[in-house]
Amino acid sequence: MAAERRSFNVGRRVTVTASEDVTEQAAAAVARVFGAAKGRPRASASSERLSADRIVEVAVAQMREHGYDAVTMRSIARELDTGPASLYAHVANRAELDQLVVGWVCSQWHIPDPDPEHWDEQLRTCLIEMLEIYRANPGVARCTLGMVPLQPGLLLVVERLVALLKAGGVVDQHCAWFTDVSSLYVASVAVEEDIWREHLGGPGAAASARDAEAAEEAAIEQVRQVFESLPHEHFPLLSSMAATMTQGSPDERFAFGVDLLVGGLKAMSGR
């Protein structure tokens, strides 16, 4: 079944969340609905050219080039030729920025209308596609870690994902936990790939596909040699399985994890 493309205007986000400061997050949510509250400046005429959409656009571009940790409200303001205070009229803090960035990413995620006969295939495809989106936007996956998705655009995505699970007869509690476990798995794989990319030449390094593949093969070969050199009397399994332990492309290993998640879910749902 054809996937549905849904787009969200990040400038209309109204709900944010973070574990750092519940009071600040609640004040930001209220300000979105009722106007600027204390500690949240009103947008001035000089900041009219700014918007949450524009701020997110710059944040994503900086993450691609420099990595997640290099992006700050100050670095974004500098690129927009303004002061950090101007940004706070549109984005309350870094926690809200992360929510908006993830919302922007998820707006590209195609979650199809549920097909009860093929829900597991649809789910596998969705998880693989999510990794591809993260790969196309290095650094963005880090935004999802330690974040509860309570931003409106994200909630709509979760709603569609749960509908897909329910089509497979998955019980409510397993639906809830699967959305958490699967998102952690996909994001952690993406973050690890970002780390490897940085090792090849820095965040967003433009290493060619050939260079990246050669570096990966060299690293895997070293691991294989280590396993083979282990004393057999103490490591009979690792030493004898050296080749097997180091086989498989990143895509093959990721697909195996997806199959474990979806296959386990199917078994638990009795389908």
Protein backbone atom coordinates (compact mmCIF):
# COMPACT_ATOMS: atom_id res chain seq x y z
CA MET A 1 0.00 0.00 0.00
CA ALA A 2 1.32 3.42 -0.89
CA ALA A 3 2.86 5.30 1.99
CA GLU A 4 1.33 8.55 3.09
CA ARG A 5 3.49 11.66 3.25
CA ARG A 6 2.54 13.98 6.08
CA SER A 7 4.16 17.33 6.60
CA PHE A 8 4.10 19.43 9.76
CA ASN A 9 4.83 23.11 10.13
CA VAL A 10 7.46 23.23 12.87
CA GLY A 11 6.64 26.86 13.53
CA ARG A 12 3.30 25.84 15.03
CA ARG A 13 4.67 23.55 17.76
CA VAL A 14 2.94 24.20 21.06
CA THR A 15 3.97 21.43 23.44
CA VAL A 16 7.52 20.73 24.55
CA THR A 17 9.06 18.46 27.13
CA ALA A 18 12.36 17.87 28.86
CA SER A 19 13.54 16.40 32.13
CA GLU A 20 15.84 19.35 32.81
CA ASP A 21 13.34 21.93 33.97
CA VAL A 22 9.65 21.06 34.07
CA THR A 23 8.68 24.58 35.08
CA GLU A 24 10.45 26.13 32.12
CA GLN A 25 8.87 23.68 29.70
CA ALA A 26 5.37 24.27 31.09
CA ALA A 27 5.87 28.03 30.83
CA ALA A 28 6.94 27.63 27.20
CA ALA A 29 3.84 25.56 26.41
CA VAL A 30 1.58 28.17 28.00
CA ALA A 31 3.36 30.94 26.11
CA ARG A 32 2.65 29.21 22.81
CA VAL A 33 -1.09 29.37 23.49
CA PHE A 34 -1.61 32.48 25.61
CA GLY A 35 1.32 34.66 24.55
CA ALA A 36 4.75 35.34 25.95
CA ALA A 37 5.17 34.60 29.64
CA LYS A 38 7.76 35.86 32.06
CA GLY A 39 11.18 34.69 30.94
CA ARG A 40 10.01 34.21 27.35
CA PRO A 41 10.54 37.41 25.31
CA ARG A 42 8.01 38.52 22.76
CA ALA A 43 9.05 38.51 19.14
CA SER A 44 10.13 42.01 18.14
CA ALA A 45 9.95 43.67 14.75
CA SER A 46 13.67 43.00 14.27
CA SER A 47 13.10 39.26 14.71
CA GLU A 48 10.18 38.96 12.31
CA ARG A 49 12.45 37.37 9.71
CA LEU A 50 13.17 34.59 12.19
CA SER A 51 10.89 31.64 12.76
CA ALA A 52 11.04 28.22 14.37
CA ASP A 53 11.19 26.74 10.88
CA ARG A 54 14.27 28.80 9.98
CA ILE A 55 15.97 28.02 13.30
CA VAL A 56 15.40 24.30 12.80
CA GLU A 57 16.70 24.52 9.24
CA VAL A 58 19.96 26.05 10.44
CA ALA A 59 20.24 23.60 13.36
CA VAL A 60 19.89 20.58 11.07
CA ALA A 61 22.44 22.00 8.61
CA GLN A 62 24.93 22.59 11.43
CA MET A 63 24.41 19.09 12.80
CA ARG A 64 25.13 17.63 9.38
CA GLU A 65 28.35 19.61 9.08
CA HIS A 66 29.67 19.77 12.64
CA GLY A 67 27.79 17.15 14.68
CA TYR A 68 25.16 17.38 17.39
CA ASP A 69 27.40 18.66 20.19
CA ALA A 70 28.64 21.63 18.15
CA VAL A 71 25.15 23.06 17.73
CA THR A 72 24.03 25.63 20.28
CA MET A 73 21.56 28.48 20.35
CA ARG A 74 24.57 30.78 20.08
CA SER A 75 25.96 29.03 16.99
CA ILE A 76 22.54 29.21 15.33
CA ALA A 77 22.16 32.89 16.20
CA ARG A 78 25.61 33.62 14.80
CA GLU A 79 24.71 32.07 11.44
CA LEU A 80 21.42 33.99 11.38
CA ASP A 81 23.32 37.19 12.18
CA THR A 82 21.39 37.90 15.35
CA GLY A 83 21.70 37.44 19.09
CA PRO A 84 20.66 34.31 21.01
CA ALA A 85 17.95 36.30 22.78
CA SER A 86 16.14 36.75 19.47
CA LEU A 87 15.85 32.99 19.06
CA TYR A 88 14.09 32.54 22.38
CA ALA A 89 11.06 34.36 21.02
CA HIS A 90 10.55 31.33 18.77
CA VAL A 91 12.26 28.40 20.55
CA ALA A 92 12.30 28.26 24.33
CA ASN A 93 15.58 26.36 24.79
CA ARG A 94 17.74 23.53 23.48
CA ALA A 95 15.27 20.91 24.72
CA GLU A 96 12.50 22.41 22.60
CA LEU A 97 14.88 22.77 19.67
CA ASP A 98 15.61 19.04 19.83
CA GLN A 99 11.88 18.33 19.80
CA LEU A 100 11.42 20.52 16.73
CA VAL A 101 14.37 18.95 14.93
CA VAL A 102 13.02 15.45 15.54
CA GLY A 103 9.58 16.64 14.45
CA TRP A 104 11.13 17.88 11.21
CA VAL A 105 12.80 14.51 10.67
CA CYS A 106 9.65 12.54 11.44
CA SER A 107 7.67 14.64 8.96
CA GLN A 108 9.69 12.79 6.30
CA TRP A 109 8.88 9.38 7.75
CA HIS A 110 6.28 7.49 5.72
CA ILE A 111 4.09 5.36 7.97
CA PRO A 112 1.48 3.70 5.73
CA ASP A 113 -2.15 3.04 6.48
CA PRO A 114 -2.24 -0.29 8.34
CA ASP A 115 -2.70 -3.49 6.35
CA PRO A 116 -3.56 -6.30 8.81
CA GLU A 117 -2.26 -8.92 6.35
CA HIS A 118 1.12 -7.28 5.89
CA TRP A 119 1.58 -5.17 9.01
CA ASP A 120 4.88 -6.86 9.91
CA GLU A 121 6.37 -6.12 6.49
CA GLN A 122 5.15 -2.54 6.76
CA LEU A 123 6.75 -2.24 10.19
CA ARG A 124 10.09 -3.59 8.99
CA THR A 125 10.06 -1.14 6.08
CA CYS A 126 9.25 1.77 8.42
CA LEU A 127 12.18 1.04 10.74
CA ILE A 128 14.62 0.65 7.85
CA GLU A 129 13.38 3.91 6.31
CA MET A 130 13.85 5.72 9.62
CA LEU A 131 17.51 4.74 9.68
CA GLU A 132 17.93 6.02 6.12
CA ILE A 133 16.47 9.37 7.17
CA TYR A 134 18.95 9.58 10.05
CA ARG A 135 21.79 8.67 7.69
CA ALA A 136 20.78 11.49 5.37
CA ASN A 137 20.90 13.90 8.34
CA PRO A 138 23.98 13.07 10.45
CA GLY A 139 23.79 14.24 14.06
CA VAL A 140 20.01 14.44 14.20
CA ALA A 141 19.53 10.99 15.77
CA ARG A 142 21.28 12.26 18.92
CA CYS A 143 18.35 14.62 19.50
CA THR A 144 16.05 11.67 20.24
CA LEU A 145 18.06 10.18 23.09
CA GLY A 146 16.80 11.15 26.52
CA MET A 147 13.78 12.89 25.00
CA VAL A 148 10.09 12.12 25.55
CA PRO A 149 8.21 12.81 22.28
CA LEU A 150 5.40 15.12 23.41
CA GLN A 151 5.67 17.63 20.58
CA PRO A 152 2.51 17.61 18.43
CA GLY A 153 4.11 16.46 15.19
CA LEU A 154 5.84 13.62 17.00
CA LEU A 155 2.64 12.52 18.69
CA LEU A 156 0.95 12.23 15.30
CA VAL A 157 3.76 9.97 14.11
CA VAL A 158 3.52 7.80 17.24
CA GLU A 159 -0.24 7.57 16.75
CA ARG A 160 0.22 6.18 13.23
CA LEU A 161 2.92 3.77 14.39
CA VAL A 162 0.68 2.43 17.16
CA ALA A 163 -2.15 2.01 14.64
CA LEU A 164 0.18 -0.15 12.56
CA LEU A 165 0.99 -2.30 15.60
CA LYS A 166 -2.68 -2.64 16.55
CA ALA A 167 -3.39 -3.92 13.04
CA GLY A 168 -1.13 -6.84 13.92
CA GLY A 169 -3.07 -7.67 17.07
CA VAL A 170 -0.35 -6.34 19.37
CA VAL A 171 -1.65 -5.74 22.90
CA ASP A 172 -1.65 -2.18 24.22
CA GLN A 173 1.26 -2.59 26.64
CA HIS A 174 3.48 -4.15 23.99
CA CYS A 175 2.55 -1.35 21.58
CA ALA A 176 3.69 1.19 24.13
CA TRP A 177 6.98 -0.54 24.88
CA PHE A 178 7.74 -1.36 21.26
CA THR A 179 7.56 2.28 20.21
CA ASP A 180 10.20 3.01 22.85
CA VAL A 181 12.48 0.02 22.17
CA SER A 182 12.37 0.34 18.37
CA SER A 183 13.10 4.07 18.43
CA LEU A 184 16.05 3.48 20.75
CA TYR A 185 17.41 0.75 18.50
CA VAL A 186 17.21 2.77 15.29
CA ALA A 187 18.58 5.94 16.89
CA SER A 188 21.46 4.13 18.61
CA VAL A 189 22.54 2.55 15.33
CA ALA A 190 22.43 5.97 13.65
CA VAL A 191 24.41 7.58 16.48
CA GLU A 192 27.06 4.85 16.29
CA GLU A 193 27.37 5.41 12.55
CA ASP A 194 27.78 9.15 13.24
CA ILE A 195 30.62 8.32 15.64
CA TRP A 196 32.35 6.17 13.04
CA ARG A 197 31.96 8.97 10.52
CA GLU A 198 33.62 11.37 12.93
CA HIS A 199 36.50 8.94 13.34
CA LEU A 200 37.02 9.07 9.58
CA GLY A 201 37.51 12.81 9.53
CA GLY A 202 35.24 14.75 11.82
CA PRO A 203 31.49 15.38 12.02
CA GLY A 204 29.89 15.48 8.63
CA ALA A 205 33.19 14.50 7.01
CA ALA A 206 32.85 14.15 3.27
CA ALA A 207 34.74 10.88 3.16
CA SER A 208 33.97 9.05 -0.04
CA ALA A 209 31.93 5.87 0.10
CA ARG A 210 35.03 3.98 -1.01
CA ASP A 211 37.15 5.49 1.79
CA ALA A 212 34.47 4.75 4.39
CA GLU A 213 34.11 1.16 3.19
CA ALA A 214 37.87 0.64 3.18
CA ALA A 215 38.20 2.02 6.72
CA GLU A 216 35.37 -0.18 7.94
CA GLU A 217 36.84 -3.29 6.34
CA ALA A 218 40.22 -2.53 7.90
CA ALA A 219 38.68 -2.16 11.36
CA ILE A 220 36.70 -5.40 10.99
CA GLU A 221 39.80 -7.24 9.80
CA GLN A 222 41.66 -6.12 12.92
CA VAL A 223 38.84 -7.40 15.13
CA ARG A 224 38.87 -10.73 13.28
CA GLN A 225 42.62 -11.03 13.83
CA VAL A 226 42.19 -10.33 17.53
CA PHE A 227 39.57 -13.08 17.85
CA GLU A 228 41.72 -15.55 15.94
CA SER A 229 44.73 -14.82 18.14
CA LEU A 230 42.87 -15.50 21.39
CA PRO A 231 44.13 -18.59 23.27
CA HIS A 232 41.82 -21.41 22.22
CA GLU A 233 41.85 -23.02 25.66
CA HIS A 234 40.27 -19.95 27.21
CA PHE A 235 38.23 -18.66 24.23
CA PRO A 236 37.27 -21.74 22.24
CA LEU A 237 34.15 -20.14 20.78
CA LEU A 238 35.42 -16.67 19.92
CA SER A 239 38.63 -17.98 18.39
CA SER A 240 36.86 -20.60 16.26
CA MET A 241 34.04 -18.20 15.26
CA ALA A 242 36.33 -15.26 14.38
CA ALA A 243 35.14 -15.07 10.78
CA THR A 244 31.48 -15.49 11.71
CA MET A 245 31.67 -12.86 14.45
CA THR A 246 32.93 -10.26 11.99
CA GLN A 247 30.73 -11.02 9.01
CA GLY A 248 27.86 -8.89 7.72
CA SER A 249 27.47 -5.38 6.37
CA PRO A 250 25.95 -2.61 8.51
CA ASP A 251 22.70 -2.99 6.60
CA GLU A 252 22.64 -6.76 7.16
CA ARG A 253 23.28 -6.38 10.87
CA PHE A 254 20.63 -3.69 11.20
CA ALA A 255 18.09 -5.78 9.28
CA PHE A 256 18.82 -8.69 11.62
CA GLY A 257 17.99 -6.49 14.60
CA VAL A 258 14.78 -5.32 12.94
CA ASP A 259 13.80 -8.94 12.27
CA LEU A 260 14.44 -9.77 15.93
CA LEU A 261 12.22 -6.92 17.08
CA VAL A 262 9.37 -7.54 14.65
CA GLY A 263 9.60 -11.33 14.84
CA GLY A 264 9.56 -11.23 18.62
CA LEU A 265 6.58 -8.90 18.59
CA LYS A 266 4.70 -11.24 16.24
CA ALA A 267 5.44 -14.23 18.46
CA MET A 268 4.25 -12.38 21.56
CA SER A 269 1.07 -11.26 19.82
CA GLY A 270 0.30 -14.82 18.73
CA ARG A 271 0.16 -13.88 15.03
